[in-house]
Amino acid sequence: MIIVNEDHEKQDSYSGLSIRPPDRVARRRRSLSTLPDYEASEAQYSRMLISKNTKVWHQTKLSRAILFSLLTYALLMTVIGVPIIVKVSTYFQERRLY
């Protein structure tokens, strides 16, 4: 903070304009901005809201989890269950022969 004494007077005596006006620039008719105007932005936003509410059943998190669990069950049943069933059935067939 600058503290000025009461006996200190202003030293510059320039009375002209102190702010330089901006240079004139040739303006283009259309803007260089890639942003849409307000109406276009609102239309895009409303379309986004509508598309989020009309999801297909396989795009929801719950249905994806259910589908994943069913596929995992089928894979495990094929890999583990089928050999056990084959082994048990051959055991009972051998017992019946004797």
PDB file of N, CA and C in Angstrom:
ATOM      1  N   MET A   1       0.833  -1.164   0.000  1.00  0.00           N
ATOM      2  CA  MET A   1       0.000   0.000   0.000  1.00  0.00           C
ATOM      3  C   MET A   1       0.886   1.239   0.000  1.00  0.00           C
ATOM      4  N   ILE A   2       0.545   2.179  -0.853  1.00  0.00           N
ATOM      5  CA  ILE A   2       1.329   3.405  -0.952  1.00  0.00           C
ATOM      6  C   ILE A   2       0.637   4.489  -0.137  1.00  0.00           C
ATOM      7  N   ILE A   3       1.367   5.074   0.755  1.00  0.00           N
ATOM      8  CA  ILE A   3       0.839   6.175   1.569  1.00  0.00           C
ATOM      9  C   ILE A   3       1.436   7.477   1.035  1.00  0.00           C
ATOM     10  N   VAL A   4       0.573   8.404   0.675  1.00  0.00           N
ATOM     11  CA  VAL A   4       1.012   9.677   0.107  1.00  0.00           C
ATOM     12  C   VAL A   4       0.914  10.743   1.199  1.00  0.00           C
ATOM     13  N   ASN A   5       1.971  11.515   1.295  1.00  0.00           N
ATOM     14  CA  ASN A   5       1.958  12.619   2.266  1.00  0.00           C
ATOM     15  C   ASN A   5       1.037  13.725   1.771  1.00  0.00           C
ATOM     16  N   GLU A   6       0.539  14.498   2.675  1.00  0.00           N
ATOM     17  CA  GLU A   6      -0.359  15.583   2.305  1.00  0.00           C
ATOM     18  C   GLU A   6       0.336  16.661   1.492  1.00  0.00           C
ATOM     19  N   ASP A   7       1.601  16.869   1.729  1.00  0.00           N
ATOM     20  CA  ASP A   7       2.331  17.897   1.002  1.00  0.00           C
ATOM     21  C   ASP A   7       2.816  17.421  -0.365  1.00  0.00           C
ATOM     22  N   HIS A   8       2.642  16.114  -0.661  1.00  0.00           N
ATOM     23  CA  HIS A   8       3.071  15.564  -1.951  1.00  0.00           C
ATOM     24  C   HIS A   8       2.031  15.893  -3.012  1.00  0.00           C
ATOM     25  N   GLU A   9       2.451  16.509  -4.056  1.00  0.00           N
ATOM     26  CA  GLU A   9       1.546  16.865  -5.143  1.00  0.00           C
ATOM     27  C   GLU A   9       1.775  15.939  -6.334  1.00  0.00           C
ATOM     28  N   LYS A  10       0.806  15.854  -7.169  1.00  0.00           N
ATOM     29  CA  LYS A  10       0.901  15.023  -8.366  1.00  0.00           C
ATOM     30  C   LYS A  10       1.955  15.621  -9.288  1.00  0.00           C
ATOM     31  N   GLN A  11       2.884  14.758  -9.764  1.00  0.00           N
ATOM     32  CA  GLN A  11       4.003  15.269 -10.540  1.00  0.00           C
ATOM     33  C   GLN A  11       3.723  15.298 -12.029  1.00  0.00           C
ATOM     34  N   ASP A  12       2.924  14.352 -12.553  1.00  0.00           N
ATOM     35  CA  ASP A  12       2.695  14.366 -13.989  1.00  0.00           C
ATOM     36  C   ASP A  12       1.606  15.380 -14.320  1.00  0.00           C
ATOM     37  N   SER A  13       1.819  16.056 -15.388  1.00  0.00           N
ATOM     38  CA  SER A  13       0.870  17.099 -15.760  1.00  0.00           C
ATOM     39  C   SER A  13       0.264  16.823 -17.141  1.00  0.00           C
ATOM     40  N   TYR A  14       0.271  15.561 -17.571  1.00  0.00           N
ATOM     41  CA  TYR A  14      -0.262  15.204 -18.883  1.00  0.00           C
ATOM     42  C   TYR A  14      -1.769  15.223 -18.811  1.00  0.00           C
ATOM     43  N   SER A  15      -2.409  15.961 -19.680  1.00  0.00           N
ATOM     44  CA  SER A  15      -3.862  16.083 -19.624  1.00  0.00           C
ATOM     45  C   SER A  15      -4.550  15.388 -20.792  1.00  0.00           C
ATOM     46  N   GLY A  16      -3.823  14.655 -21.628  1.00  0.00           N
ATOM     47  CA  GLY A  16      -4.408  13.982 -22.778  1.00  0.00           C
ATOM     48  C   GLY A  16      -4.997  12.629 -22.406  1.00  0.00           C
ATOM     49  N   LEU A  17      -5.461  11.897 -23.444  1.00  0.00           N
ATOM     50  CA  LEU A  17      -6.010  10.559 -23.229  1.00  0.00           C
ATOM     51  C   LEU A  17      -4.896   9.620 -22.791  1.00  0.00           C
ATOM     52  N   SER A  18      -5.165   8.834 -21.797  1.00  0.00           N
ATOM     53  CA  SER A  18      -4.149   7.904 -21.319  1.00  0.00           C
ATOM     54  C   SER A  18      -4.406   6.474 -21.791  1.00  0.00           C
ATOM     55  N   ILE A  19      -5.578   6.212 -22.352  1.00  0.00           N
ATOM     56  CA  ILE A  19      -5.913   4.870 -22.841  1.00  0.00           C
ATOM     57  C   ILE A  19      -5.925   4.904 -24.357  1.00  0.00           C
ATOM     58  N   ARG A  20      -5.207   3.979 -24.944  1.00  0.00           N
ATOM     59  CA  ARG A  20      -5.127   3.902 -26.400  1.00  0.00           C
ATOM     60  C   ARG A  20      -6.323   3.112 -26.913  1.00  0.00           C
ATOM     61  N   PRO A  21      -7.050   3.640 -27.869  1.00  0.00           N
ATOM     62  CA  PRO A  21      -8.184   2.888 -28.402  1.00  0.00           C
ATOM     63  C   PRO A  21      -7.677   1.667 -29.188  1.00  0.00           C
ATOM     64  N   PRO A  22      -8.468   0.591 -29.240  1.00  0.00           N
ATOM     65  CA  PRO A  22      -8.021  -0.614 -29.963  1.00  0.00           C
ATOM     66  C   PRO A  22      -7.981  -0.372 -31.463  1.00  0.00           C
ATOM     67  N   ASP A  23      -7.067  -1.091 -32.107  1.00  0.00           N
ATOM     68  CA  ASP A  23      -6.963  -1.005 -33.561  1.00  0.00           C
ATOM     69  C   ASP A  23      -8.162  -1.666 -34.193  1.00  0.00           C
ATOM     70  N   ARG A  24      -8.573  -1.159 -35.322  1.00  0.00           N
ATOM     71  CA  ARG A  24      -9.689  -1.773 -36.036  1.00  0.00           C
ATOM     72  C   ARG A  24      -9.214  -3.043 -36.732  1.00  0.00           C
ATOM     73  N   VAL A  25     -10.030  -4.057 -36.645  1.00  0.00           N
ATOM     74  CA  VAL A  25      -9.695  -5.357 -37.216  1.00  0.00           C
ATOM     75  C   VAL A  25     -10.790  -5.728 -38.193  1.00  0.00           C
ATOM     76  N   ALA A  26     -10.379  -6.290 -39.318  1.00  0.00           N
ATOM     77  CA  ALA A  26     -11.368  -6.756 -40.288  1.00  0.00           C
ATOM     78  C   ALA A  26     -12.083  -7.961 -39.685  1.00  0.00           C
ATOM     79  N   ARG A  27     -13.380  -7.855 -39.546  1.00  0.00           N
ATOM     80  CA  ARG A  27     -14.154  -8.931 -38.923  1.00  0.00           C
ATOM     81  C   ARG A  27     -14.754  -9.839 -39.990  1.00  0.00           C
ATOM     82  N   ARG A  28     -14.796 -11.089 -39.647  1.00  0.00           N
ATOM     83  CA  ARG A  28     -15.428 -12.053 -40.546  1.00  0.00           C
ATOM     84  C   ARG A  28     -16.911 -12.097 -40.253  1.00  0.00           C
ATOM     85  N   ARG A  29     -17.652 -12.549 -41.221  1.00  0.00           N
ATOM     86  CA  ARG A  29     -19.104 -12.606 -41.023  1.00  0.00           C
ATOM     87  C   ARG A  29     -19.503 -13.755 -40.106  1.00  0.00           C
ATOM     88  N   ARG A  30     -18.805 -14.845 -40.163  1.00  0.00           N
ATOM     89  CA  ARG A  30     -19.161 -15.959 -39.287  1.00  0.00           C
ATOM     90  C   ARG A  30     -18.062 -16.161 -38.252  1.00  0.00           C
ATOM     91  N   SER A  31     -18.446 -16.718 -37.156  1.00  0.00           N
ATOM     92  CA  SER A  31     -17.534 -16.881 -36.039  1.00  0.00           C
ATOM     93  C   SER A  31     -16.638 -18.098 -36.273  1.00  0.00           C
ATOM     94  N   LEU A  32     -15.465 -18.057 -35.687  1.00  0.00           N
ATOM     95  CA  LEU A  32     -14.551 -19.197 -35.762  1.00  0.00           C
ATOM     96  C   LEU A  32     -14.863 -20.243 -34.699  1.00  0.00           C
ATOM     97  N   SER A  33     -15.762 -19.926 -33.790  1.00  0.00           N
ATOM     98  CA  SER A  33     -16.107 -20.827 -32.710  1.00  0.00           C
ATOM     99  C   SER A  33     -16.856 -22.048 -33.258  1.00  0.00           C
ATOM    100  N   THR A  34     -16.515 -23.215 -32.721  1.00  0.00           N
ATOM    101  CA  THR A  34     -17.189 -24.446 -33.125  1.00  0.00           C
ATOM    102  C   THR A  34     -18.341 -24.785 -32.199  1.00  0.00           C
ATOM    103  N   LEU A  35     -18.592 -23.931 -31.210  1.00  0.00           N
ATOM    104  CA  LEU A  35     -19.689 -24.194 -30.288  1.00  0.00           C
ATOM    105  C   LEU A  35     -21.027 -23.889 -30.948  1.00  0.00           C
ATOM    106  N   PRO A  36     -22.045 -24.711 -30.670  1.00  0.00           N
ATOM    107  CA  PRO A  36     -23.365 -24.440 -31.263  1.00  0.00           C
ATOM    108  C   PRO A  36     -24.051 -23.279 -30.547  1.00  0.00           C
ATOM    109  N   ASP A  37     -25.050 -22.728 -31.191  1.00  0.00           N
ATOM    110  CA  ASP A  37     -25.807 -21.669 -30.548  1.00  0.00           C
ATOM    111  C   ASP A  37     -26.722 -22.284 -29.478  1.00  0.00           C
ATOM    112  N   TYR A  38     -27.439 -21.438 -28.765  1.00  0.00           N
ATOM    113  CA  TYR A  38     -28.239 -21.892 -27.623  1.00  0.00           C
ATOM    114  C   TYR A  38     -29.309 -22.888 -28.033  1.00  0.00           C
ATOM    115  N   GLU A  39     -30.024 -22.623 -29.107  1.00  0.00           N
ATOM    116  CA  GLU A  39     -31.119 -23.507 -29.521  1.00  0.00           C
ATOM    117  C   GLU A  39     -30.592 -24.879 -29.931  1.00  0.00           C
ATOM    118  N   ALA A  40     -29.488 -24.895 -30.653  1.00  0.00           N
ATOM    119  CA  ALA A  40     -28.914 -26.176 -31.074  1.00  0.00           C
ATOM    120  C   ALA A  40     -28.411 -26.967 -29.863  1.00  0.00           C
ATOM    121  N   SER A  41     -27.835 -26.267 -28.912  1.00  0.00           N
ATOM    122  CA  SER A  41     -27.354 -26.929 -27.708  1.00  0.00           C
ATOM    123  C   SER A  41     -28.509 -27.527 -26.915  1.00  0.00           C
ATOM    124  N   GLU A  42     -29.604 -26.799 -26.796  1.00  0.00           N
ATOM    125  CA  GLU A  42     -30.779 -27.315 -26.091  1.00  0.00           C
ATOM    126  C   GLU A  42     -31.359 -28.529 -26.817  1.00  0.00           C
ATOM    127  N   ALA A  43     -31.380 -28.504 -28.136  1.00  0.00           N
ATOM    128  CA  ALA A  43     -31.908 -29.632 -28.902  1.00  0.00           C
ATOM    129  C   ALA A  43     -31.035 -30.877 -28.701  1.00  0.00           C
ATOM    130  N   GLN A  44     -29.716 -30.695 -28.697  1.00  0.00           N
ATOM    131  CA  GLN A  44     -28.819 -31.823 -28.471  1.00  0.00           C
ATOM    132  C   GLN A  44     -29.012 -32.387 -27.071  1.00  0.00           C
ATOM    133  N   TYR A  45     -29.181 -31.510 -26.084  1.00  0.00           N
ATOM    134  CA  TYR A  45     -29.352 -31.958 -24.708  1.00  0.00           C
ATOM    135  C   TYR A  45     -30.658 -32.731 -24.535  1.00  0.00           C
ATOM    136  N   SER A  46     -31.722 -32.243 -25.157  1.00  0.00           N
ATOM    137  CA  SER A  46     -32.999 -32.948 -25.022  1.00  0.00           C
ATOM    138  C   SER A  46     -32.950 -34.303 -25.720  1.00  0.00           C
ATOM    139  N   ARG A  47     -32.254 -34.392 -26.846  1.00  0.00           N
ATOM    140  CA  ARG A  47     -32.102 -35.693 -27.512  1.00  0.00           C
ATOM    141  C   ARG A  47     -31.288 -36.654 -26.655  1.00  0.00           C
ATOM    142  N   MET A  48     -30.299 -36.124 -25.948  1.00  0.00           N
ATOM    143  CA  MET A  48     -29.474 -36.963 -25.089  1.00  0.00           C
ATOM    144  C   MET A  48     -30.307 -37.516 -23.934  1.00  0.00           C
ATOM    145  N   LEU A  49     -31.195 -36.700 -23.368  1.00  0.00           N
ATOM    146  CA  LEU A  49     -32.045 -37.171 -22.284  1.00  0.00           C
ATOM    147  C   LEU A  49     -33.008 -38.243 -22.754  1.00  0.00           C
ATOM    148  N   ILE A  50     -33.563 -38.078 -23.931  1.00  0.00           N
ATOM    149  CA  ILE A  50     -34.492 -39.063 -24.473  1.00  0.00           C
ATOM    150  C   ILE A  50     -33.770 -40.372 -24.755  1.00  0.00           C
ATOM    151  N   SER A  51     -32.566 -40.317 -25.309  1.00  0.00           N
ATOM    152  CA  SER A  51     -31.844 -41.539 -25.649  1.00  0.00           C
ATOM    153  C   SER A  51     -31.391 -42.285 -24.400  1.00  0.00           C
ATOM    154  N   LYS A  52     -31.134 -41.578 -23.294  1.00  0.00           N
ATOM    155  CA  LYS A  52     -30.726 -42.266 -22.079  1.00  0.00           C
ATOM    156  C   LYS A  52     -31.883 -43.037 -21.458  1.00  0.00           C
ATOM    157  N   ASN A  53     -33.106 -42.570 -21.617  1.00  0.00           N
ATOM    158  CA  ASN A  53     -34.255 -43.228 -21.005  1.00  0.00           C
ATOM    159  C   ASN A  53     -34.738 -44.425 -21.811  1.00  0.00           C
ATOM    160  N   THR A  54     -34.367 -44.533 -23.051  1.00  0.00           N
ATOM    161  CA  THR A  54     -34.851 -45.622 -23.902  1.00  0.00           C
ATOM    162  C   THR A  54     -33.732 -46.623 -24.178  1.00  0.00           C
ATOM    163  N   LYS A  55     -33.109 -47.120 -23.120  1.00  0.00           N
ATOM    164  CA  LYS A  55     -32.025 -48.085 -23.299  1.00  0.00           C
ATOM    165  C   LYS A  55     -32.594 -49.459 -23.626  1.00  0.00           C
ATOM    166  N   VAL A  56     -31.836 -50.221 -24.352  1.00  0.00           N
ATOM    167  CA  VAL A  56     -32.192 -51.598 -24.679  1.00  0.00           C
ATOM    168  C   VAL A  56     -31.926 -52.443 -23.437  1.00  0.00           C
ATOM    169  N   TRP A  57     -32.662 -53.548 -23.269  1.00  0.00           N
ATOM    170  CA  TRP A  57     -32.591 -54.329 -22.034  1.00  0.00           C
ATOM    171  C   TRP A  57     -31.196 -54.841 -21.748  1.00  0.00           C
ATOM    172  N   HIS A  58     -30.415 -55.168 -22.772  1.00  0.00           N
ATOM    173  CA  HIS A  58     -29.089 -55.724 -22.521  1.00  0.00           C
ATOM    174  C   HIS A  58     -28.051 -54.655 -22.206  1.00  0.00           C
ATOM    175  N   GLN A  59     -28.458 -53.387 -22.192  1.00  0.00           N
ATOM    176  CA  GLN A  59     -27.513 -52.332 -21.864  1.00  0.00           C
ATOM    177  C   GLN A  59     -27.597 -51.900 -20.402  1.00  0.00           C
ATOM    178  N   THR A  60     -28.544 -52.395 -19.660  1.00  0.00           N
ATOM    179  CA  THR A  60     -28.636 -52.018 -18.260  1.00  0.00           C
ATOM    180  C   THR A  60     -27.654 -52.848 -17.441  1.00  0.00           C
ATOM    181  N   LYS A  61     -27.257 -52.327 -16.305  1.00  0.00           N
ATOM    182  CA  LYS A  61     -26.250 -53.009 -15.485  1.00  0.00           C
ATOM    183  C   LYS A  61     -26.773 -54.323 -14.914  1.00  0.00           C
ATOM    184  N   LEU A  62     -28.020 -54.328 -14.471  1.00  0.00           N
ATOM    185  CA  LEU A  62     -28.579 -55.537 -13.876  1.00  0.00           C
ATOM    186  C   LEU A  62     -28.690 -56.664 -14.895  1.00  0.00           C
ATOM    187  N   SER A  63     -29.160 -56.337 -16.088  1.00  0.00           N
ATOM    188  CA  SER A  63     -29.305 -57.385 -17.095  1.00  0.00           C
ATOM    189  C   SER A  63     -27.939 -57.895 -17.556  1.00  0.00           C
ATOM    190  N   ARG A  64     -26.943 -57.005 -17.591  1.00  0.00           N
ATOM    191  CA  ARG A  64     -25.596 -57.470 -17.931  1.00  0.00           C
ATOM    192  C   ARG A  64     -25.057 -58.405 -16.862  1.00  0.00           C
ATOM    193  N   ALA A  65     -25.332 -58.101 -15.605  1.00  0.00           N
ATOM    194  CA  ALA A  65     -24.870 -58.965 -14.519  1.00  0.00           C
ATOM    195  C   ALA A  65     -25.566 -60.321 -14.574  1.00  0.00           C
ATOM    196  N   ILE A  66     -26.863 -60.319 -14.843  1.00  0.00           N
ATOM    197  CA  ILE A  66     -27.611 -61.576 -14.960  1.00  0.00           C
ATOM    198  C   ILE A  66     -27.094 -62.401 -16.136  1.00  0.00           C
ATOM    199  N   LEU A  67     -26.870 -61.753 -17.257  1.00  0.00           N
ATOM    200  CA  LEU A  67     -26.356 -62.457 -18.431  1.00  0.00           C
ATOM    201  C   LEU A  67     -24.971 -63.035 -18.165  1.00  0.00           C
ATOM    202  N   PHE A  68     -24.119 -62.265 -17.506  1.00  0.00           N
ATOM    203  CA  PHE A  68     -22.775 -62.749 -17.177  1.00  0.00           C
ATOM    204  C   PHE A  68     -22.834 -63.943 -16.235  1.00  0.00           C
ATOM    205  N   SER A  69     -23.716 -63.896 -15.233  1.00  0.00           N
ATOM    206  CA  SER A  69     -23.814 -65.018 -14.297  1.00  0.00           C
ATOM    207  C   SER A  69     -24.360 -66.276 -14.976  1.00  0.00           C
ATOM    208  N   LEU A  70     -25.319 -66.126 -15.877  1.00  0.00           N
ATOM    209  CA  LEU A  70     -25.835 -67.289 -16.602  1.00  0.00           C
ATOM    210  C   LEU A  70     -24.783 -67.912 -17.515  1.00  0.00           C
ATOM    211  N   LEU A  71     -24.017 -67.074 -18.186  1.00  0.00           N
ATOM    212  CA  LEU A  71     -22.949 -67.605 -19.035  1.00  0.00           C
ATOM    213  C   LEU A  71     -21.865 -68.289 -18.216  1.00  0.00           C
ATOM    214  N   THR A  72     -21.557 -67.734 -17.040  1.00  0.00           N
ATOM    215  CA  THR A  72     -20.574 -68.363 -16.160  1.00  0.00           C
ATOM    216  C   THR A  72     -21.089 -69.711 -15.668  1.00  0.00           C
ATOM    217  N   TYR A  73     -22.360 -69.773 -15.301  1.00  0.00           N
ATOM    218  CA  TYR A  73     -22.959 -71.034 -14.850  1.00  0.00           C
ATOM    219  C   TYR A  73     -22.915 -72.087 -15.954  1.00  0.00           C
ATOM    220  N   ALA A  74     -23.260 -71.688 -17.174  1.00  0.00           N
ATOM    221  CA  ALA A  74     -23.244 -72.642 -18.293  1.00  0.00           C
ATOM    222  C   ALA A  74     -21.831 -73.143 -18.565  1.00  0.00           C
ATOM    223  N   LEU A  75     -20.853 -72.262 -18.479  1.00  0.00           N
ATOM    224  CA  LEU A  75     -19.463 -72.666 -18.722  1.00  0.00           C
ATOM    225  C   LEU A  75     -18.983 -73.628 -17.641  1.00  0.00           C
ATOM    226  N   LEU A  76     -19.262 -73.298 -16.389  1.00  0.00           N
ATOM    227  CA  LEU A  76     -18.833 -74.192 -15.302  1.00  0.00           C
ATOM    228  C   LEU A  76     -19.551 -75.528 -15.351  1.00  0.00           C
ATOM    229  N   MET A  77     -20.816 -75.518 -15.708  1.00  0.00           N
ATOM    230  CA  MET A  77     -21.565 -76.777 -15.816  1.00  0.00           C
ATOM    231  C   MET A  77     -20.978 -77.646 -16.928  1.00  0.00           C
ATOM    232  N   THR A  78     -20.563 -77.027 -18.008  1.00  0.00           N
ATOM    233  CA  THR A  78     -19.974 -77.781 -19.113  1.00  0.00           C
ATOM    234  C   THR A  78     -18.604 -78.330 -18.737  1.00  0.00           C
ATOM    235  N   VAL A  79     -17.781 -77.492 -18.110  1.00  0.00           N
ATOM    236  CA  VAL A  79     -16.403 -77.901 -17.809  1.00  0.00           C
ATOM    237  C   VAL A  79     -16.345 -78.883 -16.629  1.00  0.00           C
ATOM    238  N   ILE A  80     -17.143 -78.668 -15.603  1.00  0.00           N
ATOM    239  CA  ILE A  80     -17.058 -79.496 -14.397  1.00  0.00           C
ATOM    240  C   ILE A  80     -18.176 -80.543 -14.335  1.00  0.00           C
ATOM    241  N   GLY A  81     -19.384 -80.142 -14.671  1.00  0.00           N
ATOM    242  CA  GLY A  81     -20.531 -81.030 -14.494  1.00  0.00           C
ATOM    243  C   GLY A  81     -20.565 -82.206 -15.444  1.00  0.00           C
ATOM    244  N   VAL A  82     -20.251 -81.989 -16.692  1.00  0.00           N
ATOM    245  CA  VAL A  82     -20.325 -83.069 -17.693  1.00  0.00           C
ATOM    246  C   VAL A  82     -19.328 -84.185 -17.383  1.00  0.00           C
ATOM    247  N   PRO A  83     -18.069 -83.904 -17.047  1.00  0.00           N
ATOM    248  CA  PRO A  83     -17.181 -85.020 -16.693  1.00  0.00           C
ATOM    249  C   PRO A  83     -17.633 -85.802 -15.460  1.00  0.00           C
ATOM    250  N   ILE A  84     -18.210 -85.115 -14.472  1.00  0.00           N
ATOM    251  CA  ILE A  84     -18.708 -85.820 -13.291  1.00  0.00           C
ATOM    252  C   ILE A  84     -19.878 -86.717 -13.670  1.00  0.00           C
ATOM    253  N   ILE A  85     -20.779 -86.237 -14.483  1.00  0.00           N
ATOM    254  CA  ILE A  85     -21.935 -87.036 -14.910  1.00  0.00           C
ATOM    255  C   ILE A  85     -21.473 -88.249 -15.710  1.00  0.00           C
ATOM    256  N   VAL A  86     -20.492 -88.069 -16.580  1.00  0.00           N
ATOM    257  CA  VAL A  86     -19.975 -89.195 -17.377  1.00  0.00           C
ATOM    258  C   VAL A  86     -19.325 -90.230 -16.463  1.00  0.00           C
ATOM    259  N   LYS A  87     -18.563 -89.776 -15.473  1.00  0.00           N
ATOM    260  CA  LYS A  87     -17.883 -90.700 -14.573  1.00  0.00           C
ATOM    261  C   LYS A  87     -18.880 -91.483 -13.715  1.00  0.00           C
ATOM    262  N   VAL A  88     -19.891 -90.818 -13.211  1.00  0.00           N
ATOM    263  CA  VAL A  88     -20.899 -91.497 -12.385  1.00  0.00           C
ATOM    264  C   VAL A  88     -21.707 -92.483 -13.228  1.00  0.00           C
ATOM    265  N   SER A  89     -22.053 -92.093 -14.442  1.00  0.00           N
ATOM    266  CA  SER A  89     -22.845 -93.005 -15.280  1.00  0.00           C
ATOM    267  C   SER A  89     -22.042 -94.238 -15.677  1.00  0.00           C
ATOM    268  N   THR A  90     -20.760 -94.073 -15.945  1.00  0.00           N
ATOM    269  CA  THR A  90     -19.947 -95.260 -16.261  1.00  0.00           C
ATOM    270  C   THR A  90     -19.789 -96.149 -15.036  1.00  0.00           C
ATOM    271  N   TYR A  91     -19.731 -95.573 -13.838  1.00  0.00           N
ATOM    272  CA  TYR A  91     -19.628 -96.369 -12.609  1.00  0.00           C
ATOM    273  C   TYR A  91     -20.866 -97.247 -12.425  1.00  0.00           C
ATOM    274  N   PHE A  92     -22.054 -96.645 -12.639  1.00  0.00           N
ATOM    275  CA  PHE A  92     -23.290 -97.431 -12.479  1.00  0.00           C
ATOM    276  C   PHE A  92     -23.435 -98.478 -13.599  1.00  0.00           C
ATOM    277  N   GLN A  93     -22.958 -98.200 -14.797  1.00  0.00           N
ATOM    278  CA  GLN A  93     -23.044 -99.189 -15.866  1.00  0.00           C
ATOM    279  C   GLN A  93     -22.136-100.377 -15.582  1.00  0.00           C
ATOM    280  N   GLU A  94     -20.974-100.148 -14.988  1.00  0.00           N
ATOM    281  CA  GLU A  94     -20.061-101.244 -14.650  1.00  0.00           C
ATOM    282  C   GLU A  94     -20.649-102.112 -13.528  1.00  0.00           C
ATOM    283  N   ARG A  95     -21.315-101.544 -12.582  1.00  0.00           N
ATOM    284  CA  ARG A  95     -21.934-102.303 -11.474  1.00  0.00           C
ATOM    285  C   ARG A  95     -23.086-103.174 -11.964  1.00  0.00           C
ATOM    286  N   ARG A  96     -23.818-102.702 -12.968  1.00  0.00           N
ATOM    287  CA  ARG A  96     -24.954-103.475 -13.486  1.00  0.00           C
ATOM    288  C   ARG A  96     -24.497-104.692 -14.279  1.00  0.00           C
ATOM    289  N   LEU A  97     -23.327-104.606 -14.885  1.00  0.00           N
ATOM    290  CA  LEU A  97     -22.855-105.719 -15.697  1.00  0.00           C
ATOM    291  C   LEU A  97     -22.502-106.926 -14.835  1.00  0.00           C
ATOM    292  N   TYR A  98     -22.070-106.755 -13.621  1.00  0.00           N
ATOM    293  CA  TYR A  98     -21.664-107.893 -12.801  1.00  0.00           C
ATOM    294  C   TYR A  98     -22.747-108.483 -12.030  1.00  0.00           C
TER     295      TYR A  98
END
